[in-house]
Amino acid sequence: MGYSLGAEELSSKSSGLLRALLAEFVGIFILNFFACAACTHANGDKTLISLAFGLSVFMVVMSIGHISGGHINPAVTAGMLAAGKVSLIRALLYVAAQCAGAVAATSALDVLIPKSYHNGLGNTGLKDGVTEMQGLGFEFFLGFVLVLCVFGVCDENKPDSRFVAPLAIGLTVTLGHLGIVEYTGSSMNPARSFGTAFVTESWNNHWIYWAGPILGGIAAALLYIQLFKAPTVNDASERYRTSADDKEMRRLDGKHDMA
């Protein structure tokens, strides 16, 4: 793991930092706008809410993943920072852009949706009977499972998995909402909760929606790079030869069985 302050990115035109920040802003704007809009008319339909968030993330990662990495979530950015995959300055600017995009999206919903339909604009909060520590635990594991998926599908030693990365990440977000939305609102994303809390001025237990996913994301990132990272294969021809040998052995085994 290598850690960097990243000061050179502020002046380097080749870093693509401004494009990446704009992509993060637009990405989480789309997420908050459409998914939180679904919350206003879901009428308790948890499947509708889960699909809205999962499909929004799927669409965004497909669209802007090549520009910024498609974090659109401070928990993912924190995991990448802990693993040494982004610099400190880039991580902080990403989080600022994500929060700004979430606030802008929820503000747009506040203006466009009639007040009688707001229903909290999708603001997250602990349900009756759920304690702060229970909420923190739920949000920890939501951040954990998301970042674990991100690292798994974006592992440079598993190039084939990148083809399904956006879908896998979107489905993981759907999974988290299907399982936990009844208890904490299933934030999974500090910036997403910040946007709705800022606009609705509802800050009850808001710290949980930052601490939980970020701690879970860091834990998942460190676990993956230390124990689960795919082994490096330096020689492509060796990889092909091993695969061919395995196929030949299976063919011979088949002949032996027939005899």
Protein backbone atom coordinates (compact mmCIF):
# COMPACT_ATOMS: atom_id res chain seq x y z
CA MET A 1 0.00 0.00 0.00
CA GLY A 2 1.24 3.46 -0.88
CA TYR A 3 -0.22 6.64 0.57
CA SER A 4 0.02 10.07 -1.03
CA LEU A 5 -1.04 13.58 -0.09
CA GLY A 6 -1.73 14.30 -3.75
CA ALA A 7 -0.82 18.00 -3.79
CA GLU A 8 0.55 17.64 -7.31
CA GLU A 9 -2.93 16.72 -8.57
CA LEU A 10 -4.15 20.25 -7.89
CA SER A 11 -1.85 21.73 -10.52
CA SER A 12 -1.46 18.84 -12.94
CA LYS A 13 -3.67 19.03 -16.02
CA SER A 14 -3.12 15.35 -16.69
CA SER A 15 -4.64 14.27 -13.37
CA GLY A 16 -8.18 14.81 -14.63
CA LEU A 17 -9.19 15.94 -11.16
CA LEU A 18 -11.75 18.54 -12.25
CA ARG A 19 -13.47 16.09 -14.61
CA ALA A 20 -13.52 13.49 -11.86
CA LEU A 21 -15.06 15.92 -9.35
CA LEU A 22 -17.74 16.90 -11.84
CA ALA A 23 -18.45 13.22 -12.51
CA GLU A 24 -18.85 12.54 -8.78
CA PHE A 25 -21.18 15.53 -8.44
CA VAL A 26 -23.34 14.48 -11.38
CA GLY A 27 -23.28 10.82 -10.36
CA ILE A 28 -24.63 11.31 -6.86
CA PHE A 29 -27.05 13.96 -8.14
CA ILE A 30 -28.63 11.26 -10.30
CA LEU A 31 -28.64 8.80 -7.40
CA ASN A 32 -30.29 11.16 -4.92
CA PHE A 33 -32.70 12.66 -7.43
CA PHE A 34 -34.24 9.47 -8.76
CA ALA A 35 -33.86 7.14 -5.78
CA CYS A 36 -35.08 9.65 -3.20
CA ALA A 37 -37.91 10.60 -5.56
CA ALA A 38 -38.97 6.95 -5.46
CA CYS A 39 -39.05 7.13 -1.66
CA THR A 40 -41.66 9.89 -1.77
CA HIS A 41 -44.29 7.72 -3.50
CA ALA A 42 -43.25 4.20 -2.50
CA ASN A 43 -46.03 3.94 0.11
CA GLY A 44 -44.03 1.43 2.10
CA ASP A 45 -42.94 -0.66 -0.90
CA LYS A 46 -39.41 -1.61 0.14
CA THR A 47 -38.75 -3.47 -3.12
CA LEU A 48 -39.45 -0.34 -5.16
CA ILE A 49 -37.05 1.69 -3.01
CA SER A 50 -34.38 -1.02 -3.17
CA LEU A 51 -34.55 -1.25 -6.95
CA ALA A 52 -34.52 2.54 -7.34
CA PHE A 53 -31.25 2.85 -5.43
CA GLY A 54 -29.65 -0.22 -7.02
CA LEU A 55 -30.57 0.77 -10.58
CA SER A 56 -29.42 4.35 -10.00
CA VAL A 57 -25.99 3.14 -8.87
CA PHE A 58 -25.80 0.69 -11.78
CA MET A 59 -26.57 3.45 -14.28
CA VAL A 60 -24.13 5.93 -12.73
CA VAL A 61 -21.18 3.51 -12.49
CA MET A 62 -21.77 2.51 -16.12
CA SER A 63 -21.78 6.17 -17.15
CA ILE A 64 -18.99 7.83 -15.16
CA GLY A 65 -16.97 4.96 -13.74
CA HIS A 66 -14.21 5.47 -16.30
CA ILE A 67 -13.79 9.12 -15.30
CA SER A 68 -13.72 9.15 -11.50
CA GLY A 69 -13.93 5.49 -10.56
CA GLY A 70 -17.64 5.91 -9.86
CA HIS A 71 -17.28 6.21 -6.09
CA ILE A 72 -20.38 8.43 -5.52
CA ASN A 73 -20.09 7.42 -1.86
CA PRO A 74 -17.72 8.64 0.89
CA ALA A 75 -17.55 5.07 2.25
CA VAL A 76 -16.11 3.84 -1.06
CA THR A 77 -13.74 6.80 -1.19
CA ALA A 78 -12.60 6.09 2.39
CA GLY A 79 -11.95 2.46 1.47
CA MET A 80 -9.92 3.49 -1.55
CA LEU A 81 -7.94 5.94 0.59
CA ALA A 82 -7.24 3.29 3.22
CA ALA A 83 -5.98 0.96 0.49
CA GLY A 84 -3.71 3.64 -0.95
CA LYS A 85 -5.60 3.79 -4.25
CA VAL A 86 -6.42 7.51 -4.08
CA SER A 87 -4.55 10.44 -2.55
CA LEU A 88 -5.77 12.25 0.56
CA ILE A 89 -6.52 15.48 -1.29
CA ARG A 90 -8.46 13.68 -4.03
CA ALA A 91 -10.43 11.76 -1.41
CA LEU A 92 -11.40 14.92 0.48
CA LEU A 93 -12.42 16.70 -2.72
CA TYR A 94 -14.43 13.66 -3.83
CA VAL A 95 -16.37 13.70 -0.55
CA ALA A 96 -17.03 17.44 -0.90
CA ALA A 97 -18.29 16.95 -4.48
CA GLN A 98 -20.47 14.01 -3.40
CA CYS A 99 -22.08 16.01 -0.59
CA ALA A 100 -22.66 18.99 -2.87
CA GLY A 101 -24.29 16.79 -5.52
CA ALA A 102 -26.55 15.15 -2.95
CA VAL A 103 -27.66 18.52 -1.57
CA ALA A 104 -28.31 19.85 -5.08
CA ALA A 105 -30.40 16.80 -6.01
CA THR A 106 -32.51 16.85 -2.88
CA SER A 107 -32.98 20.61 -3.23
CA ALA A 108 -34.27 20.03 -6.75
CA LEU A 109 -36.74 17.46 -5.42
CA ASP A 110 -37.80 19.92 -2.72
CA VAL A 111 -38.73 22.41 -5.43
CA LEU A 112 -40.25 20.04 -7.98
CA ILE A 113 -42.31 17.74 -5.75
CA PRO A 114 -45.44 19.25 -4.14
CA LYS A 115 -45.09 19.54 -0.36
CA SER A 116 -47.93 17.08 0.21
CA TYR A 117 -45.88 14.36 -1.50
CA HIS A 118 -42.54 14.97 0.22
CA ASN A 119 -42.74 12.21 2.84
CA GLY A 120 -39.35 13.29 4.19
CA LEU A 121 -37.76 13.27 0.72
CA GLY A 122 -36.19 9.91 1.52
CA ASN A 123 -34.39 11.11 4.64
CA THR A 124 -32.84 8.26 6.63
CA GLY A 125 -33.53 7.67 10.30
CA LEU A 126 -33.63 4.93 12.90
CA LYS A 127 -36.96 3.17 13.14
CA ASP A 128 -38.80 2.77 16.44
CA GLY A 129 -37.02 0.37 18.77
CA VAL A 130 -33.66 0.51 16.93
CA THR A 131 -30.92 1.81 19.23
CA GLU A 132 -28.00 3.95 18.12
CA MET A 133 -25.54 1.06 18.49
CA GLN A 134 -27.80 -1.25 16.50
CA GLY A 135 -28.12 1.38 13.80
CA LEU A 136 -24.35 1.83 13.76
CA GLY A 137 -23.91 -1.92 13.38
CA PHE A 138 -26.38 -2.11 10.49
CA GLU A 139 -24.71 0.77 8.67
CA PHE A 140 -21.25 -0.70 9.32
CA PHE A 141 -22.16 -3.91 7.54
CA LEU A 142 -23.87 -2.02 4.73
CA GLY A 143 -20.65 -0.12 4.07
CA PHE A 144 -18.65 -3.33 4.49
CA VAL A 145 -20.57 -5.38 1.93
CA LEU A 146 -20.59 -2.56 -0.62
CA VAL A 147 -16.86 -1.84 -0.47
CA LEU A 148 -16.02 -5.55 -0.39
CA CYS A 149 -17.96 -5.92 -3.66
CA VAL A 150 -16.27 -2.86 -5.18
CA PHE A 151 -12.80 -4.19 -4.40
CA GLY A 152 -13.71 -7.67 -5.61
CA VAL A 153 -15.02 -6.63 -9.01
CA CYS A 154 -12.34 -3.95 -9.53
CA ASP A 155 -9.39 -6.19 -8.63
CA GLU A 156 -6.78 -5.61 -11.35
CA ASN A 157 -5.83 -9.30 -11.17
CA LYS A 158 -9.41 -10.30 -12.06
CA PRO A 159 -9.90 -8.40 -15.34
CA ASP A 160 -12.90 -10.48 -16.41
CA SER A 161 -14.93 -9.35 -13.40
CA ARG A 162 -14.82 -5.73 -14.54
CA PHE A 163 -17.36 -6.48 -17.25
CA VAL A 164 -20.02 -7.09 -14.61
CA ALA A 165 -18.75 -4.53 -12.08
CA PRO A 166 -21.54 -1.93 -12.49
CA LEU A 167 -24.25 -4.58 -12.28
CA ALA A 168 -22.64 -6.29 -9.29
CA ILE A 169 -22.28 -3.01 -7.41
CA GLY A 170 -25.85 -1.98 -8.22
CA LEU A 171 -27.19 -5.34 -7.06
CA THR A 172 -25.20 -5.06 -3.84
CA VAL A 173 -26.87 -1.72 -3.14
CA THR A 174 -30.23 -3.37 -3.85
CA LEU A 175 -29.33 -6.22 -1.49
CA GLY A 176 -28.44 -3.81 1.29
CA HIS A 177 -31.73 -1.96 0.94
CA LEU A 178 -33.81 -5.13 0.78
CA GLY A 179 -32.26 -6.34 4.02
CA ILE A 180 -31.86 -3.22 6.14
CA VAL A 181 -34.13 -0.44 4.86
CA GLU A 182 -36.76 -1.29 7.47
CA TYR A 183 -34.36 -0.56 10.35
CA THR A 184 -32.15 2.40 9.42
CA GLY A 185 -33.43 3.48 6.02
CA SER A 186 -30.38 1.66 4.65
CA SER A 187 -28.25 4.70 3.89
CA MET A 188 -25.05 2.86 2.92
CA ASN A 189 -23.89 6.27 1.73
CA PRO A 190 -23.04 9.21 4.04
CA ALA A 191 -23.39 11.81 1.27
CA ARG A 192 -26.82 10.50 0.26
CA SER A 193 -28.01 10.93 3.87
CA PHE A 194 -26.29 14.30 4.18
CA GLY A 195 -28.19 15.66 1.17
CA THR A 196 -31.61 14.79 2.55
CA ALA A 197 -30.73 15.78 6.14
CA PHE A 198 -29.47 19.16 4.95
CA VAL A 199 -32.57 20.00 2.94
CA THR A 200 -35.11 18.65 5.45
CA GLU A 201 -33.08 19.87 8.47
CA SER A 202 -33.44 16.45 10.08
CA TRP A 203 -30.17 15.63 11.84
CA ASN A 204 -31.29 13.01 14.37
CA ASN A 205 -28.60 10.34 14.76
CA HIS A 206 -26.93 11.66 11.61
CA TRP A 207 -23.47 10.72 12.86
CA ILE A 208 -24.41 7.03 12.49
CA TYR A 209 -24.77 7.46 8.73
CA TRP A 210 -21.19 8.71 8.49
CA ALA A 211 -19.41 6.56 11.06
CA GLY A 212 -21.08 3.26 10.16
CA PRO A 213 -20.54 3.04 6.37
CA ILE A 214 -17.08 4.64 6.49
CA LEU A 215 -15.79 2.29 9.20
CA GLY A 216 -17.31 -0.66 7.36
CA GLY A 217 -15.79 0.47 4.08
CA ILE A 218 -12.32 0.84 5.58
CA ALA A 219 -12.57 -2.58 7.24
CA ALA A 220 -13.62 -4.23 3.97
CA ALA A 221 -10.85 -2.52 1.99
CA LEU A 222 -8.12 -3.59 4.41
CA LEU A 223 -9.48 -7.12 4.65
CA TYR A 224 -9.60 -7.49 0.87
CA ILE A 225 -6.13 -6.21 0.09
CA GLN A 226 -4.55 -8.18 2.93
CA LEU A 227 -6.34 -11.52 2.57
CA PHE A 228 -8.67 -11.72 -0.43
CA LYS A 229 -6.80 -10.00 -3.26
CA ALA A 230 -6.41 -12.21 -6.33
CA PRO A 231 -2.86 -13.46 -6.95
CA THR A 232 -0.80 -11.71 -9.60
CA VAL A 233 -0.15 -13.60 -12.83
CA ASN A 234 2.75 -11.92 -14.59
CA ASP A 235 3.06 -14.18 -17.60
CA ALA A 236 -0.04 -14.30 -19.78
CA SER A 237 1.34 -17.22 -21.78
CA GLU A 238 1.82 -19.19 -18.57
CA ARG A 239 -1.79 -18.49 -17.62
CA TYR A 240 -2.94 -19.74 -21.03
CA ARG A 241 -0.70 -22.80 -20.85
CA THR A 242 -2.02 -23.78 -17.44
CA SER A 243 -5.58 -23.44 -18.65
CA ALA A 244 -4.84 -25.52 -21.75
CA ASP A 245 -3.17 -28.21 -19.65
CA ASP A 246 -6.22 -28.39 -17.40
CA LYS A 247 -8.49 -28.85 -20.42
CA GLU A 248 -6.24 -31.58 -21.81
CA MET A 249 -6.24 -33.43 -18.49
CA ARG A 250 -10.04 -33.31 -18.36
CA ARG A 251 -10.18 -34.65 -21.91
CA LEU A 252 -7.86 -37.53 -21.10
CA ASP A 253 -9.79 -38.31 -17.93
CA GLY A 254 -12.90 -38.53 -20.02
CA LYS A 255 -11.28 -41.03 -22.40
CA HIS A 256 -10.06 -43.09 -19.47
CA ASP A 257 -13.55 -43.30 -18.03
CA MET A 258 -14.94 -44.47 -21.39
CA ALA A 259 -12.38 -47.27 -21.57
